[in-house]
Amino acid sequence: MDLSIIIPVYNVEEYVHPCLESIFRQGLDDSRFEVIIVNDGSTDKSMEMIADIISQHNNITVINQQNQGLSMARNNGMAMAKGEYIMMPDSDDLLVENSIPTLLEKALETKADLVVADFIETSGNEMPDYKCTHQTDIHYEEKTGERLFLEDLNPYQCYVWRTLFRRQFLTDNQLSFIPGLTYQDVPFTHQCYLRAQKCLRVHWLLNIYRKNHPSATSSFTKKKAMDFAAIIGATWKLRHTETLTPQTRQKLEDDVYCSFSILFYAMLHSIKEPQDKREIVEHLRQQVPDLHFRGNLKRRLESLLVTKYPPYLYLKIREWHWKWIHR
């Protein structure tokens, strides 16, 4: 089998039918791919909404599980996958019509570990166009994982759904998602790029990303902040990989700094209780006790303050600095 498409489903009744429908608008014979739907304990009508499509195709497998989160839904789907390549689209997004065959043929031909494609964003209120008239002739570059990491990984866009993963590559490197964490795409994507040998960066539209729709993650809670601190820790640990060049290690540090900045911006604007903020800072210190940014003075000071100063004092300095630059 050429391809396994894993779709975690949790309370997306408004979006899951178009998503699954777009998978079967790819011009691929059902014998070439399988769809693994992981129902992560949905409490709405998500599964009812796609019952008609499931009944029409014999290449769909449904895993029903208690709610364990996106990480475990993907992990459980990957454990069952049989395809040479794996895709993991989000259940509230769509695939461009007839976009997979071109990418899949390139993947099978080159045996690339990762095939990274393009995507377009659309508002949750817009009706996406499956056919997507933006599609043009395919253009691709073969790269090492390190070069792909240095040139193409945007730390703000660690999206797994834009990539075809060679299943044997994931298995050989024991790559999976950290259970129980939101934002688990960040360390997973970094690990994949850093361990991959042969990759394809393909300029070809694959995904239609519904951004800012009502069911999307919008509020930044204490739990999400704690998770974000944990993914910063998991990504920071990758700096100790022996094979990293100085340039790659610096890029990794830059990426972690991006996550660090996002965490504190979101925390200062969304978390109201001072005690919660202090606990988040303390959790970050536990996750990354050796945090030390190099580079400019601002970065060095921030890592010194967050790791050495009392959390309440660091937060006061952050809040004062934010008010000063926006006065």
C-alpha atoms as a PDB file:
ATOM      1  CA  MET A   1       0.000   0.000   0.000  1.00  0.00           C
ATOM      2  CA  ASP A   2       1.331   3.429  -0.940  1.00  0.00           C
ATOM      3  CA  LEU A   3      -0.273   5.794   1.536  1.00  0.00           C
ATOM      4  CA  SER A   4      -1.922   5.937   4.961  1.00  0.00           C
ATOM      5  CA  ILE A   5      -3.981   9.036   5.762  1.00  0.00           C
ATOM      6  CA  ILE A   6      -4.554   9.482   9.498  1.00  0.00           C
ATOM      7  CA  ILE A   7      -7.362  11.794  10.618  1.00  0.00           C
ATOM      8  CA  PRO A   8      -7.877  12.467  14.333  1.00  0.00           C
ATOM      9  CA  VAL A   9     -11.472  13.510  14.972  1.00  0.00           C
ATOM     10  CA  TYR A  10     -12.673  15.353  18.057  1.00  0.00           C
ATOM     11  CA  ASN A  11     -15.822  17.491  18.041  1.00  0.00           C
ATOM     12  CA  VAL A  12     -15.517  18.891  14.526  1.00  0.00           C
ATOM     13  CA  GLU A  13     -19.010  18.101  13.234  1.00  0.00           C
ATOM     14  CA  GLU A  14     -19.123  21.270  11.113  1.00  0.00           C
ATOM     15  CA  TYR A  15     -15.885  20.530   9.273  1.00  0.00           C
ATOM     16  CA  VAL A  16     -15.094  16.823   9.175  1.00  0.00           C
ATOM     17  CA  HIS A  17     -17.343  15.866   6.243  1.00  0.00           C
ATOM     18  CA  PRO A  18     -15.709  18.309   3.779  1.00  0.00           C
ATOM     19  CA  CYS A  19     -12.301  17.158   5.030  1.00  0.00           C
ATOM     20  CA  LEU A  20     -13.001  13.490   4.388  1.00  0.00           C
ATOM     21  CA  GLU A  21     -14.746  14.305   1.130  1.00  0.00           C
ATOM     22  CA  SER A  22     -11.636  16.144  -0.090  1.00  0.00           C
ATOM     23  CA  ILE A  23      -9.540  13.022   0.550  1.00  0.00           C
ATOM     24  CA  PHE A  24     -11.669  11.064  -1.899  1.00  0.00           C
ATOM     25  CA  ARG A  25     -11.374  13.814  -4.528  1.00  0.00           C
ATOM     26  CA  GLN A  26      -7.745  12.948  -5.173  1.00  0.00           C
ATOM     27  CA  GLY A  27      -8.083  10.658  -8.175  1.00  0.00           C
ATOM     28  CA  LEU A  28      -6.388   7.818  -6.280  1.00  0.00           C
ATOM     29  CA  ASP A  29      -7.747   4.296  -6.495  1.00  0.00           C
ATOM     30  CA  ASP A  30      -8.943   3.104  -3.093  1.00  0.00           C
ATOM     31  CA  SER A  31      -6.566   0.145  -3.306  1.00  0.00           C
ATOM     32  CA  ARG A  32      -3.549   2.475  -3.158  1.00  0.00           C
ATOM     33  CA  PHE A  33      -4.331   4.126   0.162  1.00  0.00           C
ATOM     34  CA  GLU A  34      -6.059   3.699   3.482  1.00  0.00           C
ATOM     35  CA  VAL A  35      -7.806   6.224   5.702  1.00  0.00           C
ATOM     36  CA  ILE A  36      -7.492   5.750   9.454  1.00  0.00           C
ATOM     37  CA  ILE A  37     -10.046   7.812  11.362  1.00  0.00           C
ATOM     38  CA  VAL A  38      -9.245   8.096  15.055  1.00  0.00           C
ATOM     39  CA  ASN A  39     -12.384   9.128  16.927  1.00  0.00           C
ATOM     40  CA  ASP A  40     -10.850  10.662  20.040  1.00  0.00           C
ATOM     41  CA  GLY A  41     -13.966  10.432  22.194  1.00  0.00           C
ATOM     42  CA  SER A  42     -16.066  12.949  20.251  1.00  0.00           C
ATOM     43  CA  THR A  43     -19.188  14.043  22.103  1.00  0.00           C
ATOM     44  CA  ASP A  44     -20.856  15.813  19.176  1.00  0.00           C
ATOM     45  CA  LYS A  45     -22.119  14.418  15.854  1.00  0.00           C
ATOM     46  CA  SER A  46     -18.740  14.256  14.132  1.00  0.00           C
ATOM     47  CA  MET A  47     -18.924  10.531  13.398  1.00  0.00           C
ATOM     48  CA  GLU A  48     -22.549  10.734  12.289  1.00  0.00           C
ATOM     49  CA  MET A  49     -21.613  13.435   9.791  1.00  0.00           C
ATOM     50  CA  ILE A  50     -19.179  11.114   7.976  1.00  0.00           C
ATOM     51  CA  ALA A  51     -21.114   7.840   8.276  1.00  0.00           C
ATOM     52  CA  ASP A  52     -22.167   8.055   4.617  1.00  0.00           C
ATOM     53  CA  ILE A  53     -18.579   8.322   3.344  1.00  0.00           C
ATOM     54  CA  ILE A  54     -17.395   5.525   5.644  1.00  0.00           C
ATOM     55  CA  SER A  55     -20.112   3.223   4.293  1.00  0.00           C
ATOM     56  CA  GLN A  56     -19.079   3.911   0.679  1.00  0.00           C
ATOM     57  CA  HIS A  57     -15.412   2.922   0.986  1.00  0.00           C
ATOM     58  CA  ASN A  58     -13.773  -0.271   2.201  1.00  0.00           C
ATOM     59  CA  ASN A  59     -10.369   1.357   2.736  1.00  0.00           C
ATOM     60  CA  ILE A  60     -11.487   3.269   5.850  1.00  0.00           C
ATOM     61  CA  THR A  61     -10.651   2.034   9.345  1.00  0.00           C
ATOM     62  CA  VAL A  62     -12.194   3.676  12.410  1.00  0.00           C
ATOM     63  CA  ILE A  63     -10.476   3.629  15.796  1.00  0.00           C
ATOM     64  CA  ASN A  64     -12.764   4.608  18.666  1.00  0.00           C
ATOM     65  CA  GLN A  65     -10.970   5.641  21.848  1.00  0.00           C
ATOM     66  CA  GLN A  66     -11.588   7.639  24.978  1.00  0.00           C
ATOM     67  CA  ASN A  67     -10.373  11.212  24.706  1.00  0.00           C
ATOM     68  CA  GLN A  68      -6.574  11.115  24.907  1.00  0.00           C
ATOM     69  CA  GLY A  69      -5.710  14.209  22.912  1.00  0.00           C
ATOM     70  CA  LEU A  70      -4.327  14.839  19.451  1.00  0.00           C
ATOM     71  CA  SER A  71      -0.896  13.380  20.206  1.00  0.00           C
ATOM     72  CA  MET A  72      -2.173   9.952  21.167  1.00  0.00           C
ATOM     73  CA  ALA A  73      -4.751   9.965  18.363  1.00  0.00           C
ATOM     74  CA  ARG A  74      -1.946  10.438  15.840  1.00  0.00           C
ATOM     75  CA  ASN A  75       0.331   7.944  17.599  1.00  0.00           C
ATOM     76  CA  ASN A  76      -2.381   5.288  17.615  1.00  0.00           C
ATOM     77  CA  GLY A  77      -3.117   5.940  13.965  1.00  0.00           C
ATOM     78  CA  MET A  78       0.560   5.652  13.039  1.00  0.00           C
ATOM     79  CA  ALA A  79       0.795   2.352  14.928  1.00  0.00           C
ATOM     80  CA  MET A  80      -1.881   0.892  12.635  1.00  0.00           C
ATOM     81  CA  ALA A  81      -0.652   2.437   9.381  1.00  0.00           C
ATOM     82  CA  LYS A  82       0.458   0.109   6.569  1.00  0.00           C
ATOM     83  CA  GLY A  83       1.279   2.600   3.804  1.00  0.00           C
ATOM     84  CA  GLU A  84       4.778   3.372   2.626  1.00  0.00           C
ATOM     85  CA  TYR A  85       3.983   7.018   3.340  1.00  0.00           C
ATOM     86  CA  ILE A  86       1.874   8.674   6.029  1.00  0.00           C
ATOM     87  CA  MET A  87      -0.151  11.889   5.920  1.00  0.00           C
ATOM     88  CA  MET A  88      -1.863  13.506   8.907  1.00  0.00           C
ATOM     89  CA  PRO A  89      -4.344  16.181   7.780  1.00  0.00           C
ATOM     90  CA  ASP A  90      -6.322  18.034  10.429  1.00  0.00           C
ATOM     91  CA  SER A  91     -10.000  17.158  10.439  1.00  0.00           C
ATOM     92  CA  ASP A  92     -11.098  20.787  10.098  1.00  0.00           C
ATOM     93  CA  ASP A  93      -8.963  21.484   7.006  1.00  0.00           C
ATOM     94  CA  LEU A  94      -9.157  20.273   3.407  1.00  0.00           C
ATOM     95  CA  LEU A  95      -6.940  18.917   0.662  1.00  0.00           C
ATOM     96  CA  VAL A  96      -6.701  20.562  -2.738  1.00  0.00           C
ATOM     97  CA  GLU A  97      -8.373  18.384  -5.360  1.00  0.00           C
ATOM     98  CA  ASN A  98      -5.972  15.992  -7.141  1.00  0.00           C
ATOM     99  CA  SER A  99      -3.022  17.292  -5.122  1.00  0.00           C
ATOM    100  CA  ILE A 100      -1.826  14.023  -3.568  1.00  0.00           C
ATOM    101  CA  PRO A 101      -1.014  11.888  -6.667  1.00  0.00           C
ATOM    102  CA  THR A 102       1.746  14.193  -7.929  1.00  0.00           C
ATOM    103  CA  LEU A 103       3.382  14.370  -4.491  1.00  0.00           C
ATOM    104  CA  LEU A 104       2.992  10.653  -3.868  1.00  0.00           C
ATOM    105  CA  GLU A 105       4.605   9.691  -7.171  1.00  0.00           C
ATOM    106  CA  LYS A 106       7.621  11.891  -6.381  1.00  0.00           C
ATOM    107  CA  ALA A 107       7.847  10.364  -2.920  1.00  0.00           C
ATOM    108  CA  LEU A 108       7.704   6.782  -4.180  1.00  0.00           C
ATOM    109  CA  GLU A 109      10.185   7.532  -6.938  1.00  0.00           C
ATOM    110  CA  THR A 110      12.806   9.163  -4.675  1.00  0.00           C
ATOM    111  CA  LYS A 111      12.097   7.320  -1.382  1.00  0.00           C
ATOM    112  CA  ALA A 112      12.426  10.672   0.383  1.00  0.00           C
ATOM    113  CA  ASP A 113      12.028  10.667   4.159  1.00  0.00           C
ATOM    114  CA  LEU A 114       9.960  13.857   4.066  1.00  0.00           C
ATOM    115  CA  VAL A 115       8.009  15.499   1.250  1.00  0.00           C
ATOM    116  CA  VAL A 116       7.024  19.027   2.301  1.00  0.00           C
ATOM    117  CA  ALA A 117       4.392  20.805   0.218  1.00  0.00           C
ATOM    118  CA  ASP A 118       2.746  24.240   0.093  1.00  0.00           C
ATOM    119  CA  PHE A 119      -0.594  25.317   1.525  1.00  0.00           C
ATOM    120  CA  ILE A 120      -3.009  28.215   1.420  1.00  0.00           C
ATOM    121  CA  GLU A 121      -4.879  29.822   4.295  1.00  0.00           C
ATOM    122  CA  THR A 122      -8.556  30.651   4.281  1.00  0.00           C
ATOM    123  CA  SER A 123     -10.848  32.225   6.830  1.00  0.00           C
ATOM    124  CA  GLY A 124     -13.154  29.854   8.645  1.00  0.00           C
ATOM    125  CA  ASN A 125     -16.087  31.792   7.198  1.00  0.00           C
ATOM    126  CA  GLU A 126     -15.007  31.315   3.590  1.00  0.00           C
ATOM    127  CA  MET A 127     -16.041  28.361   1.439  1.00  0.00           C
ATOM    128  CA  PRO A 128     -12.796  26.756   0.246  1.00  0.00           C
ATOM    129  CA  ASP A 129     -12.388  25.745  -3.380  1.00  0.00           C
ATOM    130  CA  TYR A 130     -11.314  22.106  -3.669  1.00  0.00           C
ATOM    131  CA  LYS A 131     -10.033  22.635  -7.207  1.00  0.00           C
ATOM    132  CA  CYS A 132      -7.925  25.630  -6.236  1.00  0.00           C
ATOM    133  CA  THR A 133      -7.128  27.450  -9.466  1.00  0.00           C
ATOM    134  CA  HIS A 134      -3.813  28.631  -7.953  1.00  0.00           C
ATOM    135  CA  GLN A 135      -2.198  25.296  -8.780  1.00  0.00           C
ATOM    136  CA  THR A 136       0.662  25.537 -11.268  1.00  0.00           C
ATOM    137  CA  ASP A 137       3.392  23.266 -12.593  1.00  0.00           C
ATOM    138  CA  ILE A 138       5.222  21.355  -9.895  1.00  0.00           C
ATOM    139  CA  HIS A 139       8.683  22.474  -8.841  1.00  0.00           C
ATOM    140  CA  TYR A 140      10.745  20.583  -6.289  1.00  0.00           C
ATOM    141  CA  GLU A 141      14.188  20.614  -4.695  1.00  0.00           C
ATOM    142  CA  GLU A 142      15.947  17.636  -3.168  1.00  0.00           C
ATOM    143  CA  LYS A 143      17.604  18.540   0.131  1.00  0.00           C
ATOM    144  CA  THR A 144      19.142  16.971   3.188  1.00  0.00           C
ATOM    145  CA  GLY A 145      17.117  17.224   6.373  1.00  0.00           C
ATOM    146  CA  GLU A 146      19.612  19.729   7.757  1.00  0.00           C
ATOM    147  CA  ARG A 147      19.353  21.959   4.714  1.00  0.00           C
ATOM    148  CA  LEU A 148      15.558  21.733   4.789  1.00  0.00           C
ATOM    149  CA  PHE A 149      15.668  22.687   8.467  1.00  0.00           C
ATOM    150  CA  LEU A 150      17.923  25.683   7.848  1.00  0.00           C
ATOM    151  CA  GLU A 151      16.156  26.988   4.765  1.00  0.00           C
ATOM    152  CA  ASP A 152      12.510  26.017   5.074  1.00  0.00           C
ATOM    153  CA  LEU A 153      11.351  25.369   8.640  1.00  0.00           C
ATOM    154  CA  ASN A 154       9.412  28.381   9.859  1.00  0.00           C
ATOM    155  CA  PRO A 155       9.170  28.051  13.675  1.00  0.00           C
ATOM    156  CA  TYR A 156       5.732  29.673  13.548  1.00  0.00           C
ATOM    157  CA  GLN A 157       4.450  27.046  11.078  1.00  0.00           C
ATOM    158  CA  CYS A 158       5.431  23.605  12.381  1.00  0.00           C
ATOM    159  CA  TYR A 159       2.465  21.996  10.622  1.00  0.00           C
ATOM    160  CA  VAL A 160       2.633  18.216  10.187  1.00  0.00           C
ATOM    161  CA  TRP A 161      -0.307  18.182   7.770  1.00  0.00           C
ATOM    162  CA  ARG A 162       1.745  19.652   4.905  1.00  0.00           C
ATOM    163  CA  THR A 163       4.182  16.716   4.865  1.00  0.00           C
ATOM    164  CA  LEU A 164       4.275  13.146   3.563  1.00  0.00           C
ATOM    165  CA  PHE A 165       6.356  11.074   5.983  1.00  0.00           C
ATOM    166  CA  ARG A 166       8.044   7.842   4.944  1.00  0.00           C
ATOM    167  CA  ARG A 167       6.715   5.375   7.483  1.00  0.00           C
ATOM    168  CA  GLN A 168       9.967   3.414   7.757  1.00  0.00           C
ATOM    169  CA  PHE A 169      11.812   6.656   8.542  1.00  0.00           C
ATOM    170  CA  LEU A 170       9.448   7.357  11.453  1.00  0.00           C
ATOM    171  CA  THR A 171       9.744   3.784  12.701  1.00  0.00           C
ATOM    172  CA  ASP A 172      13.531   3.568  12.408  1.00  0.00           C
ATOM    173  CA  ASN A 173      13.954   6.814  14.347  1.00  0.00           C
ATOM    174  CA  GLN A 174      11.198   6.009  16.862  1.00  0.00           C
ATOM    175  CA  LEU A 175       9.496   9.315  16.126  1.00  0.00           C
ATOM    176  CA  SER A 176       6.131   9.973  17.727  1.00  0.00           C
ATOM    177  CA  PHE A 177       4.171  12.762  19.380  1.00  0.00           C
ATOM    178  CA  ILE A 178       4.547  13.611  23.069  1.00  0.00           C
ATOM    179  CA  PRO A 179       1.329  12.391  24.759  1.00  0.00           C
ATOM    180  CA  GLY A 180      -0.971  14.886  26.403  1.00  0.00           C
ATOM    181  CA  LEU A 181       0.552  18.094  25.054  1.00  0.00           C
ATOM    182  CA  THR A 182      -0.965  20.836  22.957  1.00  0.00           C
ATOM    183  CA  TYR A 183       1.475  22.246  20.343  1.00  0.00           C
ATOM    184  CA  GLN A 184       3.158  18.828  20.044  1.00  0.00           C
ATOM    185  CA  ASP A 185       3.787  19.537  16.341  1.00  0.00           C
ATOM    186  CA  VAL A 186       6.747  21.764  17.285  1.00  0.00           C
ATOM    187  CA  PRO A 187       9.219  19.229  18.743  1.00  0.00           C
ATOM    188  CA  PHE A 188       7.984  16.495  16.381  1.00  0.00           C
ATOM    189  CA  THR A 189       8.633  18.600  13.283  1.00  0.00           C
ATOM    190  CA  HIS A 190      12.056  19.675  14.526  1.00  0.00           C
ATOM    191  CA  GLN A 191      13.029  16.071  15.250  1.00  0.00           C
ATOM    192  CA  CYS A 192      11.928  14.937  11.801  1.00  0.00           C
ATOM    193  CA  TYR A 193      13.866  17.641   9.980  1.00  0.00           C
ATOM    194  CA  LEU A 194      17.013  17.073  12.031  1.00  0.00           C
ATOM    195  CA  ARG A 195      17.010  13.303  11.527  1.00  0.00           C
ATOM    196  CA  ALA A 196      15.943  13.086   7.899  1.00  0.00           C
ATOM    197  CA  GLN A 197      18.500  12.275   5.201  1.00  0.00           C
ATOM    198  CA  LYS A 198      16.742  12.781   1.873  1.00  0.00           C
ATOM    199  CA  CYS A 199      13.892  15.304   1.639  1.00  0.00           C
ATOM    200  CA  LEU A 200      11.849  16.984  -1.062  1.00  0.00           C
ATOM    201  CA  ARG A 201      10.673  20.567  -0.764  1.00  0.00           C
ATOM    202  CA  VAL A 202       7.847  20.652  -3.284  1.00  0.00           C
ATOM    203  CA  HIS A 203       6.217  23.850  -4.500  1.00  0.00           C
ATOM    204  CA  TRP A 204       2.771  22.360  -5.003  1.00  0.00           C
ATOM    205  CA  LEU A 205      -0.409  23.178  -3.094  1.00  0.00           C
ATOM    206  CA  LEU A 206      -1.637  20.376  -0.865  1.00  0.00           C
ATOM    207  CA  ASN A 207      -3.658  21.839   2.014  1.00  0.00           C
ATOM    208  CA  ILE A 208      -6.363  24.414   2.509  1.00  0.00           C
ATOM    209  CA  TYR A 209      -5.831  25.599   6.067  1.00  0.00           C
ATOM    210  CA  ARG A 210      -8.947  26.940   7.769  1.00  0.00           C
ATOM    211  CA  LYS A 211      -7.553  29.638  10.027  1.00  0.00           C
ATOM    212  CA  ASN A 212      -9.384  31.216  12.967  1.00  0.00           C
ATOM    213  CA  HIS A 213     -12.633  29.324  12.589  1.00  0.00           C
ATOM    214  CA  PRO A 214     -14.864  29.093  15.671  1.00  0.00           C
ATOM    215  CA  SER A 215     -13.626  25.646  16.716  1.00  0.00           C
ATOM    216  CA  ALA A 216      -9.952  26.573  16.380  1.00  0.00           C
ATOM    217  CA  THR A 217      -7.714  26.988  19.405  1.00  0.00           C
ATOM    218  CA  SER A 218      -8.115  30.627  20.372  1.00  0.00           C
ATOM    219  CA  SER A 219      -8.008  31.122  24.149  1.00  0.00           C
ATOM    220  CA  PHE A 220      -4.644  30.705  25.820  1.00  0.00           C
ATOM    221  CA  THR A 221      -5.267  28.947  29.131  1.00  0.00           C
ATOM    222  CA  LYS A 222      -2.950  28.014  31.974  1.00  0.00           C
ATOM    223  CA  LYS A 223      -2.963  24.394  30.758  1.00  0.00           C
ATOM    224  CA  LYS A 224      -1.896  25.472  27.277  1.00  0.00           C
ATOM    225  CA  ALA A 225       0.816  27.686  28.726  1.00  0.00           C
ATOM    226  CA  MET A 226       2.136  24.748  30.767  1.00  0.00           C
ATOM    227  CA  ASP A 227       2.112  22.607  27.620  1.00  0.00           C
ATOM    228  CA  PHE A 228       3.938  25.325  25.707  1.00  0.00           C
ATOM    229  CA  ALA A 229       6.632  25.385  28.380  1.00  0.00           C
ATOM    230  CA  ALA A 230       6.973  21.606  28.010  1.00  0.00           C
ATOM    231  CA  ILE A 231       7.356  21.777  24.219  1.00  0.00           C
ATOM    232  CA  ILE A 232      10.003  24.491  24.662  1.00  0.00           C
ATOM    233  CA  GLY A 233      11.852  22.065  26.922  1.00  0.00           C
ATOM    234  CA  ALA A 234      11.502  19.180  24.457  1.00  0.00           C
ATOM    235  CA  THR A 235      12.756  21.294  21.562  1.00  0.00           C
ATOM    236  CA  TRP A 236      15.632  22.780  23.569  1.00  0.00           C
ATOM    237  CA  LYS A 237      16.893  19.265  24.400  1.00  0.00           C
ATOM    238  CA  LEU A 238      17.487  18.655  20.697  1.00  0.00           C
ATOM    239  CA  ARG A 239      20.479  21.033  20.949  1.00  0.00           C
ATOM    240  CA  HIS A 240      22.392  18.158  22.519  1.00  0.00           C
ATOM    241  CA  THR A 241      22.165  16.062  19.360  1.00  0.00           C
ATOM    242  CA  GLU A 242      25.777  15.171  18.581  1.00  0.00           C
ATOM    243  CA  THR A 243      25.586  15.580  14.814  1.00  0.00           C
ATOM    244  CA  LEU A 244      24.402  19.205  14.831  1.00  0.00           C
ATOM    245  CA  THR A 245      26.601  21.744  13.120  1.00  0.00           C
ATOM    246  CA  PRO A 246      27.079  25.155  14.815  1.00  0.00           C
ATOM    247  CA  GLN A 247      24.778  26.733  12.228  1.00  0.00           C
ATOM    248  CA  THR A 248      22.042  24.169  12.859  1.00  0.00           C
ATOM    249  CA  ARG A 249      22.370  24.493  16.623  1.00  0.00           C
ATOM    250  CA  GLN A 250      22.022  28.275  16.335  1.00  0.00           C
ATOM    251  CA  LYS A 251      18.912  27.939  14.160  1.00  0.00           C
ATOM    252  CA  LEU A 252      17.428  25.557  16.716  1.00  0.00           C
ATOM    253  CA  GLU A 253      18.156  28.055  19.476  1.00  0.00           C
ATOM    254  CA  ASP A 254      16.537  30.806  17.391  1.00  0.00           C
ATOM    255  CA  ASP A 255      13.437  28.648  16.970  1.00  0.00           C
ATOM    256  CA  VAL A 256      13.231  28.033  20.707  1.00  0.00           C
ATOM    257  CA  TYR A 257      13.515  31.762  21.306  1.00  0.00           C
ATOM    258  CA  CYS A 258      10.521  32.274  18.997  1.00  0.00           C
ATOM    259  CA  SER A 259       8.499  29.824  21.110  1.00  0.00           C
ATOM    260  CA  PHE A 260       9.776  31.487  24.286  1.00  0.00           C
ATOM    261  CA  SER A 261       8.615  34.900  23.044  1.00  0.00           C
ATOM    262  CA  ILE A 262       5.213  33.559  22.000  1.00  0.00           C
ATOM    263  CA  LEU A 263       4.715  31.976  25.419  1.00  0.00           C
ATOM    264  CA  PHE A 264       5.348  35.169  27.350  1.00  0.00           C
ATOM    265  CA  TYR A 265       3.412  37.391  24.976  1.00  0.00           C
ATOM    266  CA  ALA A 266       0.372  35.099  25.195  1.00  0.00           C
ATOM    267  CA  MET A 267       0.736  34.602  28.934  1.00  0.00           C
ATOM    268  CA  LEU A 268       0.959  38.303  29.751  1.00  0.00           C
ATOM    269  CA  HIS A 269      -2.113  39.042  27.638  1.00  0.00           C
ATOM    270  CA  SER A 270      -4.312  36.037  28.434  1.00  0.00           C
ATOM    271  CA  ILE A 271      -3.472  34.727  31.909  1.00  0.00           C
ATOM    272  CA  LYS A 272      -5.023  36.987  34.533  1.00  0.00           C
ATOM    273  CA  GLU A 273      -4.060  35.467  37.884  1.00  0.00           C
ATOM    274  CA  PRO A 274      -0.561  36.438  39.105  1.00  0.00           C
ATOM    275  CA  GLN A 275      -0.186  33.086  40.869  1.00  0.00           C
ATOM    276  CA  ASP A 276      -0.895  31.240  37.607  1.00  0.00           C
ATOM    277  CA  LYS A 277       1.752  33.292  35.828  1.00  0.00           C
ATOM    278  CA  ARG A 278       4.314  32.509  38.510  1.00  0.00           C
ATOM    279  CA  GLU A 279       3.529  28.798  38.288  1.00  0.00           C
ATOM    280  CA  ILE A 280       3.980  28.873  34.510  1.00  0.00           C
ATOM    281  CA  VAL A 281       7.397  30.535  34.855  1.00  0.00           C
ATOM    282  CA  GLU A 282       8.410  27.994  37.494  1.00  0.00           C
ATOM    283  CA  HIS A 283       7.259  25.165  35.235  1.00  0.00           C
ATOM    284  CA  LEU A 284       9.342  26.555  32.381  1.00  0.00           C
ATOM    285  CA  ARG A 285      12.389  26.681  34.658  1.00  0.00           C
ATOM    286  CA  GLN A 286      11.846  23.026  35.551  1.00  0.00           C
ATOM    287  CA  GLN A 287      11.465  22.061  31.890  1.00  0.00           C
ATOM    288  CA  VAL A 288      14.515  24.029  30.714  1.00  0.00           C
ATOM    289  CA  PRO A 289      16.899  24.479  33.661  1.00  0.00           C
ATOM    290  CA  ASP A 290      19.841  25.090  31.317  1.00  0.00           C
ATOM    291  CA  LEU A 291      18.126  27.706  29.165  1.00  0.00           C
ATOM    292  CA  HIS A 292      20.734  30.130  27.915  1.00  0.00           C
ATOM    293  CA  PHE A 293      20.217  32.164  24.770  1.00  0.00           C
ATOM    294  CA  ARG A 294      23.278  33.413  22.988  1.00  0.00           C
ATOM    295  CA  GLY A 295      23.324  36.266  20.520  1.00  0.00           C
ATOM    296  CA  ASN A 296      22.235  39.795  21.365  1.00  0.00           C
ATOM    297  CA  LEU A 297      22.124  41.296  24.846  1.00  0.00           C
ATOM    298  CA  LYS A 298      18.311  41.168  25.046  1.00  0.00           C
ATOM    299  CA  ARG A 299      18.242  37.404  24.570  1.00  0.00           C
ATOM    300  CA  ARG A 300      21.051  36.794  27.036  1.00  0.00           C
ATOM    301  CA  LEU A 301      19.359  38.950  29.664  1.00  0.00           C
ATOM    302  CA  GLU A 302      15.994  37.264  29.201  1.00  0.00           C
ATOM    303  CA  SER A 303      17.362  33.775  29.708  1.00  0.00           C
ATOM    304  CA  LEU A 304      19.361  34.964  32.737  1.00  0.00           C
ATOM    305  CA  LEU A 305      16.343  36.628  34.316  1.00  0.00           C
ATOM    306  CA  VAL A 306      13.907  33.776  33.731  1.00  0.00           C
ATOM    307  CA  THR A 307      16.254  31.110  35.099  1.00  0.00           C
ATOM    308  CA  LYS A 308      17.916  32.996  37.986  1.00  0.00           C
ATOM    309  CA  TYR A 309      15.477  35.596  39.257  1.00  0.00           C
ATOM    310  CA  PRO A 310      12.328  34.885  41.342  1.00  0.00           C
ATOM    311  CA  PRO A 311       9.343  34.393  38.994  1.00  0.00           C
ATOM    312  CA  TYR A 312       7.409  37.337  40.412  1.00  0.00           C
ATOM    313  CA  LEU A 313      10.343  39.685  39.815  1.00  0.00           C
ATOM    314  CA  TYR A 314      10.923  38.447  36.271  1.00  0.00           C
ATOM    315  CA  LEU A 315       7.236  38.928  35.471  1.00  0.00           C
ATOM    316  CA  LYS A 316       7.295  42.460  36.868  1.00  0.00           C
ATOM    317  CA  ILE A 317      10.268  43.282  34.636  1.00  0.00           C
ATOM    318  CA  ARG A 318       8.507  41.775  31.593  1.00  0.00           C
ATOM    319  CA  GLU A 319       5.303  43.706  32.264  1.00  0.00           C
ATOM    320  CA  TRP A 320       7.197  46.941  32.861  1.00  0.00           C
ATOM    321  CA  HIS A 321       9.170  46.486  29.637  1.00  0.00           C
ATOM    322  CA  TRP A 322       5.995  45.794  27.631  1.00  0.00           C
ATOM    323  CA  LYS A 323       4.298  48.934  28.955  1.00  0.00           C
ATOM    324  CA  TRP A 324       7.424  51.010  28.316  1.00  0.00           C
ATOM    325  CA  ILE A 325       7.793  50.035  24.647  1.00  0.00           C
ATOM    326  CA  HIS A 326       4.052  50.560  24.013  1.00  0.00           C
ATOM    327  CA  ARG A 327       3.604  53.807  25.896  1.00  0.00           C
END
